[in-house]
PDB file of N, CA and C in Angstrom:
ATOM      1  N   UNK A   1       6.802  14.887 -15.805  1.00  0.00           N
ATOM      2  CA  UNK A   1       5.602  14.112 -15.524  1.00  0.00           C
ATOM      3  C   UNK A   1       4.572  15.048 -14.889  1.00  0.00           C
ATOM      4  N   UNK A   2       3.363  14.961 -15.360  1.00  0.00           N
ATOM      5  CA  UNK A   2       2.304  15.809 -14.818  1.00  0.00           C
ATOM      6  C   UNK A   2       2.015  15.449 -13.369  1.00  0.00           C
ATOM      7  N   UNK A   3       1.571  16.425 -12.627  1.00  0.00           N
ATOM      8  CA  UNK A   3       1.324  16.234 -11.200  1.00  0.00           C
ATOM      9  C   UNK A   3       0.316  15.114 -10.929  1.00  0.00           C
ATOM     10  N   UNK A   4      -0.793  15.075 -11.682  1.00  0.00           N
ATOM     11  CA  UNK A   4      -1.810  14.040 -11.437  1.00  0.00           C
ATOM     12  C   UNK A   4      -1.291  12.663 -11.811  1.00  0.00           C
ATOM     13  N   UNK A   5      -0.463  12.578 -12.848  1.00  0.00           N
ATOM     14  CA  UNK A   5       0.102  11.283 -13.235  1.00  0.00           C
ATOM     15  C   UNK A   5       1.076  10.783 -12.165  1.00  0.00           C
ATOM     16  N   UNK A   6       1.859  11.703 -11.617  1.00  0.00           N
ATOM     17  CA  UNK A   6       2.794  11.329 -10.556  1.00  0.00           C
ATOM     18  C   UNK A   6       2.024  10.839  -9.334  1.00  0.00           C
ATOM     19  N   UNK A   7       0.917  11.512  -9.011  1.00  0.00           N
ATOM     20  CA  UNK A   7       0.081  11.109  -7.887  1.00  0.00           C
ATOM     21  C   UNK A   7      -0.460   9.696  -8.119  1.00  0.00           C
ATOM     22  N   UNK A   8      -0.868   9.395  -9.348  1.00  0.00           N
ATOM     23  CA  UNK A   8      -1.371   8.059  -9.668  1.00  0.00           C
ATOM     24  C   UNK A   8      -0.293   7.000  -9.489  1.00  0.00           C
ATOM     25  N   UNK A   9       0.941   7.327  -9.888  1.00  0.00           N
ATOM     26  CA  UNK A   9       2.042   6.375  -9.741  1.00  0.00           C
ATOM     27  C   UNK A   9       2.285   6.078  -8.264  1.00  0.00           C
ATOM     28  N   UNK A  10       2.314   7.113  -7.437  1.00  0.00           N
ATOM     29  CA  UNK A  10       2.538   6.905  -6.005  1.00  0.00           C
ATOM     30  C   UNK A  10       1.382   6.131  -5.379  1.00  0.00           C
ATOM     31  N   UNK A  11       0.165   6.439  -5.780  1.00  0.00           N
ATOM     32  CA  UNK A  11      -1.009   5.737  -5.258  1.00  0.00           C
ATOM     33  C   UNK A  11      -0.947   4.261  -5.626  1.00  0.00           C
ATOM     34  N   UNK A  12      -0.670   3.957  -6.885  1.00  0.00           N
ATOM     35  CA  UNK A  12      -0.626   2.566  -7.326  1.00  0.00           C
ATOM     36  C   UNK A  12       0.528   1.804  -6.691  1.00  0.00           C
ATOM     37  N   UNK A  13       1.662   2.471  -6.500  1.00  0.00           N
ATOM     38  CA  UNK A  13       2.795   1.821  -5.835  1.00  0.00           C
ATOM     39  C   UNK A  13       2.440   1.485  -4.392  1.00  0.00           C
ATOM     40  N   UNK A  14       1.825   2.420  -3.690  1.00  0.00           N
ATOM     41  CA  UNK A  14       1.402   2.159  -2.307  1.00  0.00           C
ATOM     42  C   UNK A  14       0.360   1.064  -2.244  1.00  0.00           C
ATOM     43  N   UNK A  15      -0.571   1.060  -3.178  1.00  0.00           N
ATOM     44  CA  UNK A  15      -1.592   0.025  -3.219  1.00  0.00           C
ATOM     45  C   UNK A  15      -0.966  -1.349  -3.446  1.00  0.00           C
ATOM     46  N   UNK A  16       0.009  -1.423  -4.331  1.00  0.00           N
ATOM     47  CA  UNK A  16       0.695  -2.691  -4.594  1.00  0.00           C
ATOM     48  C   UNK A  16       1.446  -3.167  -3.345  1.00  0.00           C
ATOM     49  N   UNK A  17       2.122  -2.235  -2.669  1.00  0.00           N
ATOM     50  CA  UNK A  17       2.872  -2.614  -1.469  1.00  0.00           C
ATOM     51  C   UNK A  17       1.947  -3.133  -0.372  1.00  0.00           C
ATOM     52  N   UNK A  18       0.832  -2.430  -0.143  1.00  0.00           N
ATOM     53  CA  UNK A  18      -0.089  -2.856   0.897  1.00  0.00           C
ATOM     54  C   UNK A  18      -0.796  -4.156   0.530  1.00  0.00           C
ATOM     55  N   UNK A  19      -1.019  -4.393  -0.753  1.00  0.00           N
ATOM     56  CA  UNK A  19      -1.665  -5.646  -1.138  1.00  0.00           C
ATOM     57  C   UNK A  19      -0.743  -6.831  -0.821  1.00  0.00           C
ATOM     58  N   UNK A  20       0.561  -6.640  -0.941  1.00  0.00           N
ATOM     59  CA  UNK A  20       1.514  -7.700  -0.580  1.00  0.00           C
ATOM     60  C   UNK A  20       1.471  -7.950   0.921  1.00  0.00           C
ATOM     61  N   UNK A  21       1.397  -6.887   1.707  1.00  0.00           N
ATOM     62  CA  UNK A  21       1.322  -7.012   3.164  1.00  0.00           C
ATOM     63  C   UNK A  21       0.076  -7.793   3.576  1.00  0.00           C
ATOM     64  N   UNK A  22      -1.061  -7.451   2.983  1.00  0.00           N
ATOM     65  CA  UNK A  22      -2.308  -8.132   3.330  1.00  0.00           C
ATOM     66  C   UNK A  22      -2.321  -9.570   2.836  1.00  0.00           C
ATOM     67  N   UNK A  23      -1.733  -9.829   1.678  1.00  0.00           N
ATOM     68  CA  UNK A  23      -1.663 -11.207   1.173  1.00  0.00           C
ATOM     69  C   UNK A  23      -0.787 -12.054   2.088  1.00  0.00           C
ATOM     70  N   UNK A  24       0.307 -11.502   2.574  1.00  0.00           N
ATOM     71  CA  UNK A  24       1.172 -12.233   3.500  1.00  0.00           C
ATOM     72  C   UNK A  24       0.419 -12.560   4.784  1.00  0.00           C
ATOM     73  N   UNK A  25      -0.369 -11.623   5.293  1.00  0.00           N
ATOM     74  CA  UNK A  25      -1.160 -11.876   6.500  1.00  0.00           C
ATOM     75  C   UNK A  25      -2.209 -12.946   6.232  1.00  0.00           C
ATOM     76  N   UNK A  26      -2.852 -12.897   5.055  1.00  0.00           N
ATOM     77  CA  UNK A  26      -3.847 -13.906   4.698  1.00  0.00           C
ATOM     78  C   UNK A  26      -3.205 -15.290   4.612  1.00  0.00           C
ATOM     79  N   UNK A  27      -2.021 -15.350   4.023  1.00  0.00           N
ATOM     80  CA  UNK A  27      -1.297 -16.622   3.932  1.00  0.00           C
ATOM     81  C   UNK A  27      -0.900 -17.133   5.320  1.00  0.00           C
ATOM     82  N   UNK A  28      -0.460 -16.226   6.186  1.00  0.00           N
ATOM     83  CA  UNK A  28      -0.052 -16.618   7.544  1.00  0.00           C
ATOM     84  C   UNK A  28      -1.221 -17.227   8.300  1.00  0.00           C
ATOM     85  N   UNK A  29      -2.392 -16.619   8.193  1.00  0.00           N
ATOM     86  CA  UNK A  29      -3.572 -17.147   8.888  1.00  0.00           C
ATOM     87  C   UNK A  29      -3.987 -18.479   8.296  1.00  0.00           C
ATOM     88  N   UNK A  30      -3.928 -18.613   6.974  1.00  0.00           N
ATOM     89  CA  UNK A  30      -4.337 -19.882   6.366  1.00  0.00           C
ATOM     90  C   UNK A  30      -3.354 -21.006   6.691  1.00  0.00           C
ATOM     91  N   UNK A  31      -2.087 -20.668   6.892  1.00  0.00           N
ATOM     92  CA  UNK A  31      -1.092 -21.695   7.212  1.00  0.00           C
ATOM     93  C   UNK A  31      -1.062 -22.050   8.702  1.00  0.00           C
ATOM     94  N   UNK A  32      -1.160 -21.023   9.563  1.00  0.00           N
ATOM     95  CA  UNK A  32      -0.930 -21.236  10.989  1.00  0.00           C
ATOM     96  C   UNK A  32      -2.065 -20.784  11.899  1.00  0.00           C
ATOM     97  N   UNK A  33      -3.073 -20.144  11.364  1.00  0.00           N
ATOM     98  CA  UNK A  33      -4.179 -19.673  12.189  1.00  0.00           C
ATOM     99  C   UNK A  33      -3.819 -18.412  12.953  1.00  0.00           C
ATOM    100  N   UNK A  34      -4.741 -18.030  13.841  1.00  0.00           N
ATOM    101  CA  UNK A  34      -4.553 -16.832  14.658  1.00  0.00           C
ATOM    102  C   UNK A  34      -3.826 -17.191  15.926  1.00  0.00           C
ATOM    103  N   UNK A  35      -3.130 -16.314  16.577  1.00  0.00           N
ATOM    104  CA  UNK A  35      -2.751 -14.962  16.174  1.00  0.00           C
ATOM    105  C   UNK A  35      -1.557 -15.005  15.222  1.00  0.00           C
ATOM    106  N   UNK A  36      -1.353 -13.928  14.496  1.00  0.00           N
ATOM    107  CA  UNK A  36      -0.194 -13.829  13.606  1.00  0.00           C
ATOM    108  C   UNK A  36       0.995 -13.358  14.431  1.00  0.00           C
ATOM    109  N   UNK A  37       2.059 -14.108  14.370  1.00  0.00           N
ATOM    110  CA  UNK A  37       3.311 -13.731  15.042  1.00  0.00           C
ATOM    111  C   UNK A  37       4.334 -13.367  13.972  1.00  0.00           C
ATOM    112  N   UNK A  38       5.493 -12.927  14.399  1.00  0.00           N
ATOM    113  CA  UNK A  38       6.546 -12.581  13.441  1.00  0.00           C
ATOM    114  C   UNK A  38       6.945 -13.802  12.614  1.00  0.00           C
ATOM    115  N   UNK A  39       7.012 -14.947  13.251  1.00  0.00           N
ATOM    116  CA  UNK A  39       7.407 -16.169  12.545  1.00  0.00           C
ATOM    117  C   UNK A  39       6.348 -16.606  11.539  1.00  0.00           C
ATOM    118  N   UNK A  40       5.067 -16.542  11.942  1.00  0.00           N
ATOM    119  CA  UNK A  40       4.015 -16.957  11.016  1.00  0.00           C
ATOM    120  C   UNK A  40       3.860 -15.940   9.883  1.00  0.00           C
ATOM    121  N   UNK A  41       4.094 -14.660  10.173  1.00  0.00           N
ATOM    122  CA  UNK A  41       4.037 -13.652   9.124  1.00  0.00           C
ATOM    123  C   UNK A  41       5.154 -13.865   8.113  1.00  0.00           C
ATOM    124  N   UNK A  42       6.339 -14.204   8.601  1.00  0.00           N
ATOM    125  CA  UNK A  42       7.467 -14.496   7.704  1.00  0.00           C
ATOM    126  C   UNK A  42       7.135 -15.693   6.823  1.00  0.00           C
ATOM    127  N   UNK A  43       6.516 -16.719   7.409  1.00  0.00           N
ATOM    128  CA  UNK A  43       6.105 -17.879   6.626  1.00  0.00           C
ATOM    129  C   UNK A  43       5.057 -17.488   5.586  1.00  0.00           C
ATOM    130  N   UNK A  44       4.173 -16.574   5.942  1.00  0.00           N
ATOM    131  CA  UNK A  44       3.180 -16.079   4.996  1.00  0.00           C
ATOM    132  C   UNK A  44       3.821 -15.343   3.829  1.00  0.00           C
ATOM    133  N   UNK A  45       4.824 -14.519   4.108  1.00  0.00           N
ATOM    134  CA  UNK A  45       5.545 -13.837   3.035  1.00  0.00           C
ATOM    135  C   UNK A  45       6.247 -14.833   2.120  1.00  0.00           C
ATOM    136  N   UNK A  46       6.848 -15.853   2.716  1.00  0.00           N
ATOM    137  CA  UNK A  46       7.565 -16.848   1.929  1.00  0.00           C
ATOM    138  C   UNK A  46       6.624 -17.735   1.127  1.00  0.00           C
ATOM    139  N   UNK A  47       5.359 -17.814   1.524  1.00  0.00           N
ATOM    140  CA  UNK A  47       4.391 -18.668   0.836  1.00  0.00           C
ATOM    141  C   UNK A  47       3.733 -17.985  -0.357  1.00  0.00           C
ATOM    142  N   UNK A  48       3.971 -16.709  -0.551  1.00  0.00           N
ATOM    143  CA  UNK A  48       3.353 -15.993  -1.672  1.00  0.00           C
ATOM    144  C   UNK A  48       3.958 -16.500  -2.976  1.00  0.00           C
ATOM    145  N   UNK A  49       3.085 -16.912  -3.897  1.00  0.00           N
ATOM    146  CA  UNK A  49       3.528 -17.385  -5.207  1.00  0.00           C
ATOM    147  C   UNK A  49       2.676 -16.763  -6.300  1.00  0.00           C
ATOM    148  N   UNK A  50       3.338 -16.183  -7.279  1.00  0.00           N
ATOM    149  CA  UNK A  50       2.683 -15.604  -8.458  1.00  0.00           C
ATOM    150  C   UNK A  50       1.540 -14.662  -8.098  1.00  0.00           C
ATOM    151  N   UNK A  51       1.758 -13.833  -7.089  1.00  0.00           N
ATOM    152  CA  UNK A  51       0.755 -12.869  -6.650  1.00  0.00           C
ATOM    153  C   UNK A  51       0.888 -11.613  -7.490  1.00  0.00           C
ATOM    154  N   UNK A  52      -0.214 -11.174  -8.113  1.00  0.00           N
ATOM    155  CA  UNK A  52      -0.177  -9.989  -8.959  1.00  0.00           C
ATOM    156  C   UNK A  52      -1.227  -8.943  -8.583  1.00  0.00           C
ATOM    157  N   UNK A  53      -1.877  -9.095  -7.443  1.00  0.00           N
ATOM    158  CA  UNK A  53      -2.895  -8.149  -6.971  1.00  0.00           C
ATOM    159  C   UNK A  53      -3.963  -7.910  -8.036  1.00  0.00           C
ATOM    160  N   UNK A  54      -4.429  -8.990  -8.609  1.00  0.00           N
ATOM    161  CA  UNK A  54      -5.471  -8.927  -9.661  1.00  0.00           C
ATOM    162  C   UNK A  54      -5.052  -8.045 -10.829  1.00  0.00           C
ATOM    163  N   UNK A  55      -3.804  -8.168 -11.256  1.00  0.00           N
ATOM    164  CA  UNK A  55      -3.324  -7.447 -12.424  1.00  0.00           C
ATOM    165  C   UNK A  55      -2.733  -6.078 -12.158  1.00  0.00           C
ATOM    166  N   UNK A  56      -2.633  -5.672 -10.904  1.00  0.00           N
ATOM    167  CA  UNK A  56      -2.082  -4.348 -10.578  1.00  0.00           C
ATOM    168  C   UNK A  56      -0.590  -4.276 -10.834  1.00  0.00           C
ATOM    169  N   UNK A  57       0.109  -5.395 -10.686  1.00  0.00           N
ATOM    170  CA  UNK A  57       1.551  -5.394 -10.831  1.00  0.00           C
ATOM    171  C   UNK A  57       1.999  -6.708 -11.457  1.00  0.00           C
ATOM    172  N   UNK A  58       3.258  -6.809 -11.780  1.00  0.00           N
ATOM    173  CA  UNK A  58       3.794  -8.054 -12.300  1.00  0.00           C
ATOM    174  C   UNK A  58       3.779  -9.099 -11.197  1.00  0.00           C
ATOM    175  N   UNK A  59       3.545 -10.364 -11.521  1.00  0.00           N
ATOM    176  CA  UNK A  59       3.490 -11.406 -10.489  1.00  0.00           C
ATOM    177  C   UNK A  59       4.798 -11.508  -9.694  1.00  0.00           C
ATOM    178  N   UNK A  60       4.655 -11.686  -8.393  1.00  0.00           N
ATOM    179  CA  UNK A  60       5.836 -11.859  -7.536  1.00  0.00           C
ATOM    180  C   UNK A  60       5.750 -13.215  -6.843  1.00  0.00           C
ATOM    181  N   UNK A  61       6.905 -13.723  -6.492  1.00  0.00           N
ATOM    182  CA  UNK A  61       6.995 -14.976  -5.753  1.00  0.00           C
ATOM    183  C   UNK A  61       7.968 -14.784  -4.624  1.00  0.00           C
TER     184      UNK A  61
END
């Protein structure tokens, strides 16, 4: 694999991972408001349905 292609794969993988983290935080705030605690963040992660980061990755639930 070419160096630039490998860099793109790592970049896109990191972007996908961080988009899940931010979506979970967004869900936690919409469900329970501020501040986000460990319990509300867990609920936010569990509330994610068919999230695909606007086509960046396959949908996850």
